[in-house]
PDB file of N, CA and C in Angstrom:
ATOM      1  N   MET A   1      -2.376 -10.055   6.319  1.00  0.00           N
ATOM      2  CA  MET A   1      -1.913  -8.249   6.246  1.00  0.00           C
ATOM      3  C   MET A   1      -0.953  -7.708   5.729  1.00  0.00           C
ATOM      4  N   GLN A   2       0.462  -8.220   6.039  1.00  0.00           N
ATOM      5  CA  GLN A   2       1.590  -7.421   6.086  1.00  0.00           C
ATOM      6  C   GLN A   2       1.525  -7.171   4.691  1.00  0.00           C
ATOM      7  N   ILE A   3       1.579  -7.865   3.295  1.00  0.00           N
ATOM      8  CA  ILE A   3       1.330  -7.748   2.157  1.00  0.00           C
ATOM      9  C   ILE A   3       0.610  -6.928   1.659  1.00  0.00           C
ATOM     10  N   LYS A   4      -0.675  -6.306   2.280  1.00  0.00           N
ATOM     11  CA  LYS A   4      -1.329  -5.317   2.060  1.00  0.00           C
ATOM     12  C   LYS A   4      -0.930  -4.026   2.578  1.00  0.00           C
ATOM     13  N   ARG A   5      -0.317  -4.153   3.384  1.00  0.00           N
ATOM     14  CA  ARG A   5       0.124  -3.261   3.861  1.00  0.00           C
ATOM     15  C   ARG A   5       1.429  -2.261   2.976  1.00  0.00           C
ATOM     16  N   TRP A   6       1.900  -3.677   2.547  1.00  0.00           N
ATOM     17  CA  TRP A   6       3.447  -3.263   1.776  1.00  0.00           C
ATOM     18  C   TRP A   6       2.930  -2.857   0.164  1.00  0.00           C
ATOM     19  N   ILE A   7       1.567  -3.514  -0.410  1.00  0.00           N
ATOM     20  CA  ILE A   7       0.956  -2.733  -1.299  1.00  0.00           C
ATOM     21  C   ILE A   7       0.392  -1.696  -1.132  1.00  0.00           C
ATOM     22  N   VAL A   8      -0.185  -1.280  -0.563  1.00  0.00           N
ATOM     23  CA  VAL A   8      -0.666  -0.090   0.369  1.00  0.00           C
ATOM     24  C   VAL A   8       0.481   1.382   0.070  1.00  0.00           C
ATOM     25  N   VAL A   9       1.686   0.747   0.303  1.00  0.00           N
ATOM     26  CA  VAL A   9       2.701   1.682   0.397  1.00  0.00           C
ATOM     27  C   VAL A   9       3.745   1.959  -0.943  1.00  0.00           C
ATOM     28  N   VAL A  10       3.798   0.615  -1.454  1.00  0.00           N
ATOM     29  CA  VAL A  10       4.089   0.687  -2.694  1.00  0.00           C
ATOM     30  C   VAL A  10       3.294   1.432  -3.970  1.00  0.00           C
ATOM     31  N   VAL A  11       2.247   1.190  -3.686  1.00  0.00           N
ATOM     32  CA  VAL A  11       0.961   1.997  -4.756  1.00  0.00           C
ATOM     33  C   VAL A  11       0.977   3.051  -4.608  1.00  0.00           C
ATOM     34  N   SER A  12       1.166   3.618  -2.979  1.00  0.00           N
ATOM     35  CA  SER A  12       0.757   5.372  -3.098  1.00  0.00           C
ATOM     36  C   SER A  12       1.755   5.873  -3.232  1.00  0.00           C
ATOM     37  N   LEU A  13       3.190   5.620  -3.368  1.00  0.00           N
ATOM     38  CA  LEU A  13       4.381   6.371  -3.671  1.00  0.00           C
ATOM     39  C   LEU A  13       4.435   6.330  -5.009  1.00  0.00           C
ATOM     40  N   VAL A  14       4.072   5.119  -5.608  1.00  0.00           N
ATOM     41  CA  VAL A  14       3.972   5.405  -7.448  1.00  0.00           C
ATOM     42  C   VAL A  14       2.878   6.322  -7.981  1.00  0.00           C
ATOM     43  N   ILE A  15       1.860   6.351  -7.098  1.00  0.00           N
ATOM     44  CA  ILE A  15       0.747   7.685  -7.290  1.00  0.00           C
ATOM     45  C   ILE A  15       1.360   8.436  -7.009  1.00  0.00           C
ATOM     46  N   GLY A  16       2.042   8.847  -6.082  1.00  0.00           N
ATOM     47  CA  GLY A  16       2.422  10.392  -5.651  1.00  0.00           C
ATOM     48  C   GLY A  16       3.887  10.489  -6.433  1.00  0.00           C
ATOM     49  N   ALA A  17       4.559   9.443  -7.105  1.00  0.00           N
ATOM     50  CA  ALA A  17       5.614   9.788  -8.413  1.00  0.00           C
ATOM     51  C   ALA A  17       4.764  10.383  -9.896  1.00  0.00           C
ATOM     52  N   VAL A  18       3.725   9.063 -10.227  1.00  0.00           N
ATOM     53  CA  VAL A  18       3.303   9.804 -10.985  1.00  0.00           C
ATOM     54  C   VAL A  18       2.294  11.002 -11.459  1.00  0.00           C
ATOM     55  N   ALA A  19       1.944  11.359 -10.473  1.00  0.00           N
ATOM     56  CA  ALA A  19       0.943  12.226 -10.110  1.00  0.00           C
ATOM     57  C   ALA A  19       1.776  13.692 -10.150  1.00  0.00           C
ATOM     58  N   THR A  20       3.067  13.433  -9.129  1.00  0.00           N
ATOM     59  CA  THR A  20       4.019  14.376  -9.034  1.00  0.00           C
ATOM     60  C   THR A  20       4.609  14.852 -10.469  1.00  0.00           C
ATOM     61  N   GLY A  21       4.727  13.709 -11.680  1.00  0.00           N
ATOM     62  CA  GLY A  21       5.522  14.031 -13.033  1.00  0.00           C
ATOM     63  C   GLY A  21       4.660  14.822 -13.823  1.00  0.00           C
ATOM     64  N   MET A  22       2.838  14.086 -13.705  1.00  0.00           N
ATOM     65  CA  MET A  22       1.942  14.967 -14.333  1.00  0.00           C
ATOM     66  C   MET A  22       1.689  16.291 -14.255  1.00  0.00           C
ATOM     67  N   ILE A  23       1.615  16.631 -12.654  1.00  0.00           N
ATOM     68  CA  ILE A  23       1.810  18.245 -12.719  1.00  0.00           C
ATOM     69  C   ILE A  23       2.729  19.108 -12.907  1.00  0.00           C
ATOM     70  N   ILE A  24       3.986  18.470 -13.154  1.00  0.00           N
ATOM     71  CA  ILE A  24       5.211  19.452 -13.094  1.00  0.00           C
ATOM     72  C   ILE A  24       5.267  19.703 -14.907  1.00  0.00           C
ATOM     73  N   TYR A  25       5.166  18.054 -15.810  1.00  0.00           N
ATOM     74  CA  TYR A  25       5.679  18.421 -16.310  1.00  0.00           C
ATOM     75  C   TYR A  25       4.553  18.454 -17.899  1.00  0.00           C
ATOM     76  N   VAL A  26       3.369  18.371 -17.263  1.00  0.00           N
ATOM     77  CA  VAL A  26       2.290  18.558 -18.543  1.00  0.00           C
ATOM     78  C   VAL A  26       1.520  20.384 -18.706  1.00  0.00           C
ATOM     79  N   PRO A  27       1.380  20.453 -19.973  1.00  0.00           N
ATOM     80  CA  PRO A  27       1.337  22.098 -19.872  1.00  0.00           C
ATOM     81  C   PRO A  27       0.086  22.501 -20.055  1.00  0.00           C
ATOM     82  N   SER A  28      -0.757  23.172 -19.799  1.00  0.00           N
ATOM     83  CA  SER A  28      -1.822  23.655 -19.462  1.00  0.00           C
ATOM     84  C   SER A  28      -2.397  23.973 -20.462  1.00  0.00           C
ATOM     85  N   PRO A  29      -3.404  22.940 -21.463  1.00  0.00           N
ATOM     86  CA  PRO A  29      -3.926  23.204 -22.983  1.00  0.00           C
ATOM     87  C   PRO A  29      -5.154  24.771 -22.665  1.00  0.00           C
ATOM     88  N   THR A  30      -5.058  25.067 -23.751  1.00  0.00           N
ATOM     89  CA  THR A  30      -6.084  26.309 -23.876  1.00  0.00           C
ATOM     90  C   THR A  30      -7.357  26.093 -24.077  1.00  0.00           C
ATOM     91  N   VAL A  31      -8.400  26.418 -23.844  1.00  0.00           N
ATOM     92  CA  VAL A  31     -10.322  26.368 -25.003  1.00  0.00           C
ATOM     93  C   VAL A  31     -10.305  27.369 -25.261  1.00  0.00           C
ATOM     94  N   LYS A  32     -10.498  27.496 -26.588  1.00  0.00           N
ATOM     95  CA  LYS A  32     -10.810  28.863 -26.918  1.00  0.00           C
ATOM     96  C   LYS A  32     -12.673  29.253 -27.393  1.00  0.00           C
ATOM     97  N   ILE A  33     -12.979  29.845 -26.936  1.00  0.00           N
ATOM     98  CA  ILE A  33     -14.289  30.435 -26.817  1.00  0.00           C
ATOM     99  C   ILE A  33     -14.540  31.714 -27.186  1.00  0.00           C
ATOM    100  N   GLY A  34     -15.021  32.140 -28.524  1.00  0.00           N
ATOM    101  CA  GLY A  34     -15.294  32.962 -29.252  1.00  0.00           C
ATOM    102  C   GLY A  34     -14.048  33.282 -29.597  1.00  0.00           C
ATOM    103  N   THR A  35     -13.639  34.944 -29.215  1.00  0.00           N
ATOM    104  CA  THR A  35     -12.130  35.274 -28.957  1.00  0.00           C
ATOM    105  C   THR A  35     -10.769  35.124 -28.339  1.00  0.00           C
ATOM    106  N   PHE A  36     -11.755  34.214 -27.026  1.00  0.00           N
ATOM    107  CA  PHE A  36     -11.045  34.299 -26.019  1.00  0.00           C
ATOM    108  C   PHE A  36      -9.762  32.980 -26.368  1.00  0.00           C
ATOM    109  N   SER A  37      -9.225  32.534 -25.331  1.00  0.00           N
ATOM    110  CA  SER A  37      -7.861  31.514 -24.587  1.00  0.00           C
ATOM    111  C   SER A  37      -8.054  31.108 -23.318  1.00  0.00           C
ATOM    112  N   LEU A  38      -8.959  30.306 -22.770  1.00  0.00           N
ATOM    113  CA  LEU A  38      -8.702  30.091 -21.321  1.00  0.00           C
ATOM    114  C   LEU A  38      -8.084  29.047 -20.939  1.00  0.00           C
ATOM    115  N   PRO A  39      -6.985  29.251 -20.423  1.00  0.00           N
ATOM    116  CA  PRO A  39      -6.277  28.194 -19.846  1.00  0.00           C
ATOM    117  C   PRO A  39      -6.936  27.067 -18.711  1.00  0.00           C
ATOM    118  N   ILE A  40      -7.029  25.882 -19.165  1.00  0.00           N
ATOM    119  CA  ILE A  40      -7.112  24.664 -17.966  1.00  0.00           C
ATOM    120  C   ILE A  40      -5.911  24.143 -17.210  1.00  0.00           C
ATOM    121  N   PRO A  41      -6.395  24.330 -15.863  1.00  0.00           N
ATOM    122  CA  PRO A  41      -5.063  24.590 -15.247  1.00  0.00           C
ATOM    123  C   PRO A  41      -4.419  22.670 -14.749  1.00  0.00           C
ATOM    124  N   LEU A  42      -4.440  22.066 -15.780  1.00  0.00           N
ATOM    125  CA  LEU A  42      -3.833  20.878 -15.147  1.00  0.00           C
ATOM    126  C   LEU A  42      -2.131  20.671 -14.875  1.00  0.00           C
ATOM    127  N   GLY A  43      -1.819  21.625 -15.408  1.00  0.00           N
ATOM    128  CA  GLY A  43      -0.225  21.276 -14.840  1.00  0.00           C
ATOM    129  C   GLY A  43       0.723  22.723 -14.971  1.00  0.00           C
ATOM    130  N   PHE A  44       1.619  22.183 -14.746  1.00  0.00           N
ATOM    131  CA  PHE A  44       2.845  24.022 -14.808  1.00  0.00           C
ATOM    132  C   PHE A  44       3.585  24.253 -15.781  1.00  0.00           C
ATOM    133  N   GLY A  45       3.926  22.930 -16.748  1.00  0.00           N
ATOM    134  CA  GLY A  45       3.897  22.669 -18.208  1.00  0.00           C
ATOM    135  C   GLY A  45       5.441  23.173 -17.945  1.00  0.00           C
ATOM    136  N   THR A  46       6.310  22.613 -17.083  1.00  0.00           N
ATOM    137  CA  THR A  46       7.910  23.599 -16.566  1.00  0.00           C
ATOM    138  C   THR A  46       8.468  21.956 -16.503  1.00  0.00           C
ATOM    139  N   ASN A  47      10.223  22.573 -15.452  1.00  0.00           N
ATOM    140  CA  ASN A  47      10.848  21.088 -16.279  1.00  0.00           C
ATOM    141  C   ASN A  47      11.192  21.307 -14.688  1.00  0.00           C
ATOM    142  N   LEU A  48      12.347  19.944 -14.223  1.00  0.00           N
ATOM    143  CA  LEU A  48      12.654  19.993 -12.928  1.00  0.00           C
ATOM    144  C   LEU A  48      13.819  20.971 -12.334  1.00  0.00           C
ATOM    145  N   HIS A  49      14.212  21.683 -13.419  1.00  0.00           N
ATOM    146  CA  HIS A  49      14.971  22.832 -12.909  1.00  0.00           C
ATOM    147  C   HIS A  49      14.887  24.052 -12.743  1.00  0.00           C
ATOM    148  N   ASP A  50      13.958  24.149 -13.558  1.00  0.00           N
ATOM    149  CA  ASP A  50      12.545  25.507 -13.215  1.00  0.00           C
ATOM    150  C   ASP A  50      11.616  25.196 -11.814  1.00  0.00           C
ATOM    151  N   PHE A  51      11.115  24.282 -11.502  1.00  0.00           N
ATOM    152  CA  PHE A  51      10.420  23.585 -10.300  1.00  0.00           C
ATOM    153  C   PHE A  51      11.406  23.784  -9.216  1.00  0.00           C
ATOM    154  N   ALA A  52      11.541  24.358  -8.018  1.00  0.00           N
ATOM    155  CA  ALA A  52      12.176  23.858  -7.105  1.00  0.00           C
ATOM    156  C   ALA A  52      12.522  22.470  -6.524  1.00  0.00           C
ATOM    157  N   TYR A  53      13.269  22.191  -6.312  1.00  0.00           N
ATOM    158  CA  TYR A  53      13.263  21.254  -5.667  1.00  0.00           C
ATOM    159  C   TYR A  53      12.487  20.366  -4.489  1.00  0.00           C
ATOM    160  N   SER A  54      12.815  21.333  -3.260  1.00  0.00           N
ATOM    161  CA  SER A  54      11.961  21.398  -3.359  1.00  0.00           C
ATOM    162  C   SER A  54      10.603  21.429  -2.769  1.00  0.00           C
ATOM    163  N   ASN A  55      10.026  21.713  -3.372  1.00  0.00           N
ATOM    164  CA  ASN A  55       8.647  21.525  -4.152  1.00  0.00           C
ATOM    165  C   ASN A  55       8.215  20.255  -4.555  1.00  0.00           C
ATOM    166  N   VAL A  56       9.027  20.113  -5.035  1.00  0.00           N
ATOM    167  CA  VAL A  56       8.751  18.125  -6.050  1.00  0.00           C
ATOM    168  C   VAL A  56       8.593  17.707  -5.134  1.00  0.00           C
ATOM    169  N   ILE A  57       9.420  17.301  -3.506  1.00  0.00           N
ATOM    170  CA  ILE A  57       9.994  16.635  -2.541  1.00  0.00           C
ATOM    171  C   ILE A  57       8.432  16.747  -1.903  1.00  0.00           C
ATOM    172  N   LEU A  58       7.856  18.155  -1.878  1.00  0.00           N
ATOM    173  CA  LEU A  58       6.884  18.291  -0.918  1.00  0.00           C
ATOM    174  C   LEU A  58       5.573  17.975  -1.884  1.00  0.00           C
ATOM    175  N   LEU A  59       5.333  18.353  -3.147  1.00  0.00           N
ATOM    176  CA  LEU A  59       3.831  17.538  -3.523  1.00  0.00           C
ATOM    177  C   LEU A  59       4.234  16.150  -3.714  1.00  0.00           C
ATOM    178  N   PHE A  60       5.215  15.178  -3.733  1.00  0.00           N
ATOM    179  CA  PHE A  60       5.331  14.206  -4.064  1.00  0.00           C
ATOM    180  C   PHE A  60       5.039  13.021  -3.095  1.00  0.00           C
ATOM    181  N   LEU A  61       5.149  14.399  -1.610  1.00  0.00           N
ATOM    182  CA  LEU A  61       4.837  13.321  -0.413  1.00  0.00           C
ATOM    183  C   LEU A  61       3.440  13.294   0.075  1.00  0.00           C
ATOM    184  N   SER A  62       3.237  14.884  -0.445  1.00  0.00           N
ATOM    185  CA  SER A  62       2.029  15.511   0.010  1.00  0.00           C
ATOM    186  C   SER A  62       0.789  14.183  -0.614  1.00  0.00           C
ATOM    187  N   ILE A  63       0.950  14.504  -1.886  1.00  0.00           N
ATOM    188  CA  ILE A  63      -0.051  13.016  -3.149  1.00  0.00           C
ATOM    189  C   ILE A  63       0.504  11.528  -2.445  1.00  0.00           C
ATOM    190  N   ALA A  64       1.508  11.439  -2.261  1.00  0.00           N
ATOM    191  CA  ALA A  64       1.862   9.567  -1.496  1.00  0.00           C
ATOM    192  C   ALA A  64       1.090   9.530  -0.318  1.00  0.00           C
ATOM    193  N   CYS A  65       1.250  10.218   0.397  1.00  0.00           N
ATOM    194  CA  CYS A  65       0.508  10.437   1.657  1.00  0.00           C
ATOM    195  C   CYS A  65      -1.070  10.811   1.562  1.00  0.00           C
ATOM    196  N   LEU A  66      -1.554  11.011   0.777  1.00  0.00           N
ATOM    197  CA  LEU A  66      -2.903  11.300   0.824  1.00  0.00           C
ATOM    198  C   LEU A  66      -3.650  10.179  -0.321  1.00  0.00           C
ATOM    199  N   ALA A  67      -2.966   9.144  -0.554  1.00  0.00           N
ATOM    200  CA  ALA A  67      -3.470   7.958  -1.275  1.00  0.00           C
ATOM    201  C   ALA A  67      -3.073   7.450  -0.439  1.00  0.00           C
ATOM    202  N   GLY A  68      -2.187   7.037   0.769  1.00  0.00           N
ATOM    203  CA  GLY A  68      -1.898   6.277   0.813  1.00  0.00           C
ATOM    204  C   GLY A  68      -2.918   6.274   1.971  1.00  0.00           C
ATOM    205  N   ILE A  69      -3.092   7.068   2.986  1.00  0.00           N
ATOM    206  CA  ILE A  69      -4.252   7.499   3.606  1.00  0.00           C
ATOM    207  C   ILE A  69      -5.962   6.953   3.127  1.00  0.00           C
ATOM    208  N   TRP A  70      -6.354   6.745   2.065  1.00  0.00           N
ATOM    209  CA  TRP A  70      -7.379   6.223   1.040  1.00  0.00           C
ATOM    210  C   TRP A  70      -7.183   5.117   1.104  1.00  0.00           C
ATOM    211  N   LEU A  71      -5.710   4.257   0.547  1.00  0.00           N
ATOM    212  CA  LEU A  71      -5.244   2.937   0.529  1.00  0.00           C
ATOM    213  C   LEU A  71      -5.926   2.151   1.382  1.00  0.00           C
ATOM    214  N   ASP A  72      -5.275   3.037   2.533  1.00  0.00           N
ATOM    215  CA  ASP A  72      -5.048   2.092   3.869  1.00  0.00           C
ATOM    216  C   ASP A  72      -6.993   1.742   3.895  1.00  0.00           C
ATOM    217  N   TYR A  73      -7.819   2.735   4.163  1.00  0.00           N
ATOM    218  CA  TYR A  73      -8.999   2.892   4.302  1.00  0.00           C
ATOM    219  C   TYR A  73     -10.144   1.866   3.482  1.00  0.00           C
ATOM    220  N   PHE A  74      -9.374   2.135   2.139  1.00  0.00           N
ATOM    221  CA  PHE A  74     -10.124   1.109   1.331  1.00  0.00           C
ATOM    222  C   PHE A  74      -9.983  -0.492   1.478  1.00  0.00           C
ATOM    223  N   LEU A  75      -8.582  -0.948   1.532  1.00  0.00           N
ATOM    224  CA  LEU A  75      -8.061  -1.997   1.699  1.00  0.00           C
ATOM    225  C   LEU A  75      -7.968  -2.394   3.538  1.00  0.00           C
ATOM    226  N   ASP A  76      -8.264  -1.495   4.134  1.00  0.00           N
ATOM    227  CA  ASP A  76      -8.372  -1.833   5.240  1.00  0.00           C
ATOM    228  C   ASP A  76      -7.684  -2.623   6.339  1.00  0.00           C
ATOM    229  N   THR A  77      -6.088  -1.862   5.846  1.00  0.00           N
ATOM    230  CA  THR A  77      -4.778  -2.730   6.644  1.00  0.00           C
ATOM    231  C   THR A  77      -4.444  -2.272   7.921  1.00  0.00           C
ATOM    232  N   LYS A  78      -5.103  -1.145   8.380  1.00  0.00           N
ATOM    233  CA  LYS A  78      -4.939  -0.248   9.863  1.00  0.00           C
ATOM    234  C   LYS A  78      -3.465  -0.125   9.785  1.00  0.00           C
ATOM    235  N   ILE A  79      -3.312   0.669   9.011  1.00  0.00           N
ATOM    236  CA  ILE A  79      -2.003   0.971   9.327  1.00  0.00           C
ATOM    237  C   ILE A  79      -2.354   2.050   9.984  1.00  0.00           C
ATOM    238  N   LEU A  80      -3.431   3.011   9.517  1.00  0.00           N
ATOM    239  CA  LEU A  80      -3.365   4.362  10.202  1.00  0.00           C
ATOM    240  C   LEU A  80      -4.360   4.080  11.464  1.00  0.00           C
ATOM    241  N   LYS A  81      -4.475   4.639  12.950  1.00  0.00           N
ATOM    242  CA  LYS A  81      -5.292   3.892  13.881  1.00  0.00           C
ATOM    243  C   LYS A  81      -7.559   4.887  13.703  1.00  0.00           C
ATOM    244  N   SER A  82      -8.161   3.858  14.460  1.00  0.00           N
ATOM    245  CA  SER A  82      -9.755   4.485  13.577  1.00  0.00           C
ATOM    246  C   SER A  82      -9.890   6.173  14.247  1.00  0.00           C
TER     247      SER A  82
END
């Protein structure tokens, strides 16, 4: 059971880091429909210097916690009480 809990923690932190990096660094592509260009909101397309450090930390923590909650549910580690 302890190994499953460590797996939940590590995997959720990795998911949080990868998703945060993608949200910050991936530029938003545009789709051309006729003469219009519509942006698809995939990421901010910026860098860590322009994106506030506090926002990076909060974004990372929120995504990691969300992933941890779902991983806890699916792996039935019971980190969170029912």
